[in-house]
Protein backbone atom coordinates (compact mmCIF):
# COMPACT_ATOMS: atom_id res chain seq x y z
CA MET A 1 -17.87 -10.50 12.98
CA ARG A 2 -21.28 -10.57 14.55
CA ILE A 3 -24.18 -12.11 13.49
CA ASN A 4 -27.82 -11.31 15.55
CA GLY A 5 -25.22 -9.41 17.96
CA VAL A 6 -23.54 -12.69 18.75
CA GLU A 7 -19.23 -12.82 18.46
CA ILE A 8 -18.16 -15.00 15.50
CA VAL A 9 -14.45 -15.38 16.54
CA ASP A 10 -12.27 -14.78 13.23
CA THR A 11 -9.72 -18.37 13.75
CA PHE A 12 -9.87 -22.09 12.35
CA ALA A 13 -11.62 -25.38 12.59
CA GLU A 14 -9.73 -28.46 13.53
CA ALA A 15 -10.71 -30.83 10.81
CA PHE A 16 -8.29 -33.13 9.72
CA GLY A 17 -8.16 -36.21 6.92
CA MET A 18 -10.12 -38.97 7.28
CA TRP A 19 -11.68 -41.80 5.03
CA GLY A 20 -15.85 -41.91 4.57
CA ALA A 21 -18.44 -44.50 3.18
CA ARG A 22 -21.98 -44.13 3.01
CA PHE A 23 -24.30 -47.23 2.93
CA CYS A 24 -27.94 -47.33 2.55
CA ILE A 25 -29.99 -49.78 5.06
CA THR A 26 -33.53 -50.98 4.20
CA ALA A 27 -35.83 -53.05 6.38
CA GLU A 28 -39.68 -53.95 6.19
CA ASN A 29 -40.95 -51.03 8.59
CA MET A 30 -39.39 -48.35 10.49
CA ARG A 31 -39.48 -49.87 13.61
CA TRP A 32 -36.47 -52.43 12.13
CA LEU A 33 -35.11 -49.68 10.43
CA ASP A 34 -34.97 -47.45 13.27
CA ALA A 35 -33.29 -50.36 15.50
CA ALA A 36 -30.42 -50.96 12.80
CA ALA A 37 -29.62 -47.68 12.28
CA ARG A 38 -29.32 -46.72 15.85
CA SER A 39 -27.39 -50.21 16.72
CA VAL A 40 -24.83 -49.91 13.80
CA THR A 41 -23.94 -45.99 14.70
CA GLY A 42 -24.15 -46.32 18.16
CA PHE A 43 -21.01 -45.73 20.03
CA ALA A 44 -18.67 -44.11 17.11
CA THR A 45 -18.55 -40.51 18.67
CA SER A 46 -14.97 -40.46 18.27
CA VAL A 47 -12.12 -42.11 17.22
CA ILE A 48 -10.52 -41.38 19.96
CA GLY A 49 -11.95 -43.95 22.04
CA CYS A 50 -14.36 -45.83 19.65
CA GLY A 51 -12.58 -46.74 16.26
CA CYS A 52 -14.63 -44.77 13.95
CA GLU A 53 -17.58 -41.87 13.81
CA ALA A 54 -20.53 -42.29 12.61
CA GLY A 55 -24.09 -40.92 11.94
CA ILE A 56 -27.00 -41.22 10.35
CA GLU A 57 -27.21 -38.85 7.17
CA ARG A 58 -30.81 -38.93 6.04
CA TRP A 59 -34.10 -41.12 6.01
CA LEU A 60 -35.12 -42.29 2.73
CA GLU A 61 -38.32 -42.74 1.30
CA PRO A 62 -39.30 -46.67 -0.20
CA SER A 63 -39.47 -44.72 -3.53
CA GLU A 64 -35.73 -43.67 -2.93
CA ALA A 65 -34.02 -47.19 -1.89
CA PRO A 66 -32.73 -49.71 -3.72
CA ASP A 67 -35.11 -52.75 -2.73
CA GLY A 68 -38.33 -49.99 -2.67
CA ARG A 69 -38.61 -50.20 0.87
CA PRO A 70 -37.91 -47.69 3.88
CA GLY A 71 -34.05 -46.89 3.81
CA VAL A 72 -31.50 -44.98 5.80
CA ASN A 73 -28.15 -43.42 4.45
CA VAL A 74 -25.56 -44.19 7.60
CA LEU A 75 -22.00 -42.46 6.54
CA PHE A 76 -18.51 -43.88 9.00
CA PHE A 77 -15.58 -42.46 9.11
CA THR A 78 -11.88 -43.34 10.13
CA PRO A 79 -8.15 -41.99 10.12
CA SER A 80 -7.30 -45.26 8.03
CA LYS A 81 -8.56 -47.35 4.91
CA LYS A 82 -7.53 -50.35 6.22
CA ASN A 83 -9.49 -49.86 9.59
CA LEU A 84 -12.67 -48.26 7.55
CA GLY A 85 -13.08 -52.00 6.00
CA LYS A 86 -12.75 -53.46 9.57
CA GLN A 87 -15.09 -51.35 11.32
CA LEU A 88 -17.28 -51.72 8.28
CA VAL A 89 -17.89 -55.38 8.44
CA GLY A 90 -18.00 -55.74 11.88
CA ARG A 91 -20.55 -52.74 12.77
CA ILE A 92 -22.61 -54.39 9.84
CA GLY A 93 -22.06 -57.77 10.62
CA GLN A 94 -23.17 -57.20 14.80
CA SER A 95 -25.92 -54.51 14.18
CA VAL A 96 -27.35 -55.18 10.59
CA MET A 97 -27.10 -58.72 9.63
CA THR A 98 -28.61 -59.70 13.07
CA CYS A 99 -31.68 -57.31 12.78
CA PRO A 100 -34.87 -58.40 11.50
CA THR A 101 -35.68 -57.70 8.26
CA THR A 102 -32.68 -56.00 6.83
CA ALA A 103 -30.71 -55.57 3.71
CA CYS A 104 -27.46 -53.18 3.16
CA PHE A 105 -26.57 -51.49 -0.30
CA ASP A 106 -23.34 -49.42 -0.83
CA ALA A 107 -24.44 -46.24 -1.36
CA LEU A 108 -21.06 -44.23 -2.29
CA GLU A 109 -19.49 -44.70 -6.04
CA GLY A 110 -15.62 -44.39 -4.41
CA THR A 111 -12.98 -45.02 -6.89
CA GLU A 112 -11.36 -47.24 -4.12
CA ARG A 113 -13.31 -49.78 -2.60
CA VAL A 114 -13.24 -52.45 0.47
CA PRO A 115 -15.03 -56.22 0.65
CA VAL A 116 -17.66 -56.12 3.45
CA GLY A 117 -20.25 -58.40 1.93
CA ALA A 118 -17.32 -60.61 0.78
CA GLY A 119 -16.29 -60.70 4.43
CA LEU A 120 -19.76 -61.50 5.92
CA ARG A 121 -20.41 -64.32 3.28
CA TYR A 122 -18.73 -66.71 5.22
CA PHE A 123 -20.90 -66.51 8.12
CA GLY A 124 -23.05 -68.36 5.58
CA ASP A 125 -20.83 -71.53 6.21
CA THR A 126 -20.74 -72.55 2.42
CA PHE A 127 -24.08 -72.00 1.70
CA GLN A 128 -24.10 -68.55 0.68
CA ALA A 129 -25.05 -67.10 -2.82
CA SER A 130 -23.54 -64.41 -5.13
CA LYS A 131 -25.67 -62.71 -7.54
CA MET A 132 -24.91 -60.33 -10.46
CA LEU A 133 -27.58 -57.27 -10.62
CA GLU A 134 -27.02 -54.13 -12.74
CA GLY A 135 -22.94 -55.22 -12.98
CA LYS A 136 -22.62 -55.31 -9.36
CA ARG A 137 -22.19 -58.41 -6.96
CA TYR A 138 -24.38 -58.91 -3.77
CA TRP A 139 -24.58 -61.83 -1.52
CA ARG A 140 -27.56 -63.65 -0.19
CA ILE A 141 -26.62 -64.95 3.67
CA PRO A 142 -29.06 -67.76 4.76
CA VAL A 143 -30.03 -66.86 8.63
CA MET A 144 -32.72 -68.09 10.54
CA GLU A 145 -35.60 -65.74 9.14
CA GLY A 146 -34.75 -66.09 5.80
CA GLU A 147 -31.35 -64.41 4.43
CA PHE A 148 -29.55 -61.13 4.81
CA LEU A 149 -28.76 -59.11 1.41
CA VAL A 150 -25.69 -57.30 1.04
CA SER A 151 -23.49 -55.45 -1.08
CA ASP A 152 -19.98 -57.42 -2.00
CA SER A 153 -17.89 -53.97 -1.62
CA PHE A 154 -18.36 -50.62 -0.57
CA GLY A 155 -16.71 -47.35 -2.25
CA ILE A 156 -14.63 -45.46 -0.20
CA GLN A 157 -13.15 -41.39 -0.52
CA LYS A 158 -11.21 -39.42 1.17
CA ALA A 159 -13.25 -37.10 3.95
CA VAL A 160 -13.24 -34.68 5.96
CA GLY A 161 -13.24 -35.15 10.24
CA GLY A 162 -13.34 -32.67 12.84
CA GLY A 163 -15.46 -29.94 11.87
CA ASN A 164 -16.36 -27.78 14.84
CA PHE A 165 -17.56 -24.69 16.85
CA LEU A 166 -18.43 -23.96 20.40
CA ILE A 167 -21.34 -21.64 21.67
CA ALA A 168 -20.52 -19.81 24.59
CA GLY A 169 -23.47 -18.18 26.33
CA LYS A 170 -24.66 -16.72 29.14
CA ASP A 171 -26.71 -19.69 30.85
CA PRO A 172 -26.77 -23.46 30.13
CA ALA A 173 -30.16 -23.34 29.00
CA SER A 174 -29.52 -20.88 26.35
CA VAL A 175 -26.41 -22.69 24.95
CA LEU A 176 -28.26 -25.92 25.24
CA SER A 177 -31.30 -24.24 22.72
CA ALA A 178 -28.55 -22.89 20.68
CA ALA A 179 -27.01 -26.31 20.10
CA GLU A 180 -30.21 -27.93 19.36
CA ALA A 181 -31.41 -25.31 16.42
CA ALA A 182 -27.64 -25.45 14.72
CA VAL A 183 -28.07 -29.60 14.81
CA ASP A 184 -31.96 -28.86 13.54
CA ALA A 185 -30.19 -26.98 10.19
CA VAL A 186 -27.64 -29.17 9.71
CA GLU A 187 -29.11 -32.48 10.41
CA ASP A 188 -30.77 -33.01 6.64
CA LEU A 189 -27.38 -31.58 4.63
CA PRO A 190 -26.19 -34.08 2.64
CA GLY A 191 -22.76 -35.55 2.86
CA ALA A 192 -22.33 -34.49 6.96
CA ILE A 193 -23.07 -36.12 9.88
CA LEU A 194 -22.67 -34.68 13.49
CA PRO A 195 -21.59 -38.19 15.19
CA PHE A 196 -22.08 -37.00 19.00
CA PRO A 197 -25.06 -37.51 20.81
CA GLY A 198 -28.19 -35.87 19.56
CA GLY A 199 -25.41 -33.81 17.68
CA VAL A 200 -23.90 -32.05 20.86
CA VAL A 201 -20.79 -32.13 22.60
CA ARG A 202 -20.43 -31.56 26.26
CA SER A 203 -17.36 -32.70 27.16
CA GLY A 204 -15.14 -31.11 24.23
CA SER A 205 -10.88 -32.31 24.87
CA GLN A 206 -7.90 -30.96 24.51
CA VAL A 207 -4.85 -32.70 23.18
CA GLY A 208 -2.86 -34.25 25.98
CA SER A 209 -3.12 -34.47 29.71
CA ARG A 210 -1.47 -33.98 32.83
CA TYR A 211 -1.57 -37.65 33.17
CA SER A 212 1.10 -39.40 30.47
CA PHE A 213 -1.44 -42.12 29.95
CA LEU A 214 -4.47 -40.26 28.40
CA PRO A 215 -4.22 -38.70 25.01
CA ALA A 216 -6.73 -36.15 25.47
CA SER A 217 -8.45 -34.51 28.24
CA THR A 218 -11.11 -32.03 29.23
CA ASN A 219 -10.68 -28.73 27.40
CA VAL A 220 -9.91 -26.95 30.32
CA ALA A 221 -9.83 -22.79 28.53
CA PHE A 222 -13.54 -23.35 27.86
CA CYS A 223 -14.63 -25.36 31.38
CA PRO A 224 -16.56 -22.33 33.29
CA THR A 225 -16.24 -24.03 36.97
CA LEU A 226 -11.95 -23.63 36.17
CA ARG A 227 -12.11 -20.03 35.41
CA GLY A 228 -9.49 -18.33 37.76
CA LEU A 229 -7.24 -21.55 37.87
CA VAL A 230 -6.65 -22.00 34.66
CA GLU A 231 -5.83 -19.31 31.62
CA SER A 232 -9.50 -19.31 30.14
CA ASP A 233 -10.87 -18.61 26.72
CA LEU A 234 -14.14 -18.08 27.93
CA PRO A 235 -15.94 -14.24 27.52
CA GLU A 236 -16.32 -12.36 30.86
CA GLU A 237 -20.25 -13.48 30.94
CA ALA A 238 -19.51 -16.95 29.77
CA ASN A 239 -20.98 -19.64 31.68
CA SER A 240 -21.73 -22.70 29.59
CA VAL A 241 -20.25 -24.06 26.73
CA LEU A 242 -21.24 -26.83 23.92
CA GLU A 243 -19.83 -27.87 20.97
CA ILE A 244 -21.08 -29.13 17.86
CA VAL A 245 -18.75 -31.16 15.48
CA VAL A 246 -19.03 -32.33 11.73
CA ASP A 247 -17.91 -34.87 9.45
CA GLY A 248 -17.98 -34.93 5.93
CA LEU A 249 -17.65 -36.47 2.71
CA ASP A 250 -15.65 -33.58 1.49
CA ASP A 251 -14.63 -30.13 2.46
CA GLU A 252 -17.99 -28.54 1.03
CA ALA A 253 -20.14 -30.80 3.03
CA VAL A 254 -18.40 -29.69 6.19
CA ALA A 255 -17.65 -25.92 5.30
CA GLU A 256 -21.70 -25.97 4.38
CA ALA A 257 -22.70 -27.56 7.67
CA MET A 258 -20.35 -25.22 9.99
CA ARG A 259 -21.83 -21.91 7.73
CA VAL A 260 -25.67 -23.48 8.35
CA GLY A 261 -25.22 -24.31 11.95
CA ILE A 262 -23.26 -21.31 13.16
CA ARG A 263 -25.80 -18.84 12.10
CA ALA A 264 -28.40 -20.98 13.44
CA ALA A 265 -26.93 -21.21 16.61
CA CYS A 266 -26.85 -17.42 16.96
CA ILE A 267 -29.74 -16.73 18.94
CA GLU A 268 -30.70 -14.28 22.43
CA GLY A 269 -28.42 -15.54 25.37
CA VAL A 270 -25.14 -16.46 23.28
CA LEU A 271 -22.48 -14.19 23.44
CA GLN A 272 -19.86 -15.92 21.38
CA ILE A 273 -19.22 -18.89 18.93
CA THR A 274 -15.65 -19.81 18.04
């Protein structure tokens, strides 16, 4: 198959099962909303080294947010339910509760739930208070600024991580432009995130290593500088490769993100997408 002259290799994506959560952060203005969102999703590119994968799903108008303020929906993914709850409590406690003016709301009606506010409430040192609104429990935790409002528990569901495709091209500039086009096409799709910096991976990995203590190492088959030293999977004229990794709340979200991203990446200078 070819799109705009770019070869689309008929192969697989290494997607795997995960557990996912969606929550909404709100704040008084975009300055503090952006600060909280960037902090809570920071260092969350890969479960291999970060413990979770996370990213911004979409920014919300005040009319879309639970408390009528600027908001953002964030997605989190981990391989296990237990670790997902741990990551949510730790990261929201350190990156959202600490940030001026924020509140944090569950935004996923999952059939299974994990305690979040129910754990964070103890920071209130017995002065925390619960509040029921429309059948949902929230916690009001006293902080120096005033109060931090957070949902008692968050919905979680089975999800998909590690959908991916590689863009191989003639030169770094062309490949970077293609990757940026893919990110721009995917970033507003519902139910999916691109967890790596700017949505793009330069250091794609392979399972295992010549070093016994490493679980993963550089993807040697797609490193242009190793052509001739290892068995290469690169097209003959390819001199640069970038990867797009997609996590989603379900198979459909990941498939749509990959479809849209692959098509957007088929620009001049790109030789192959695999």
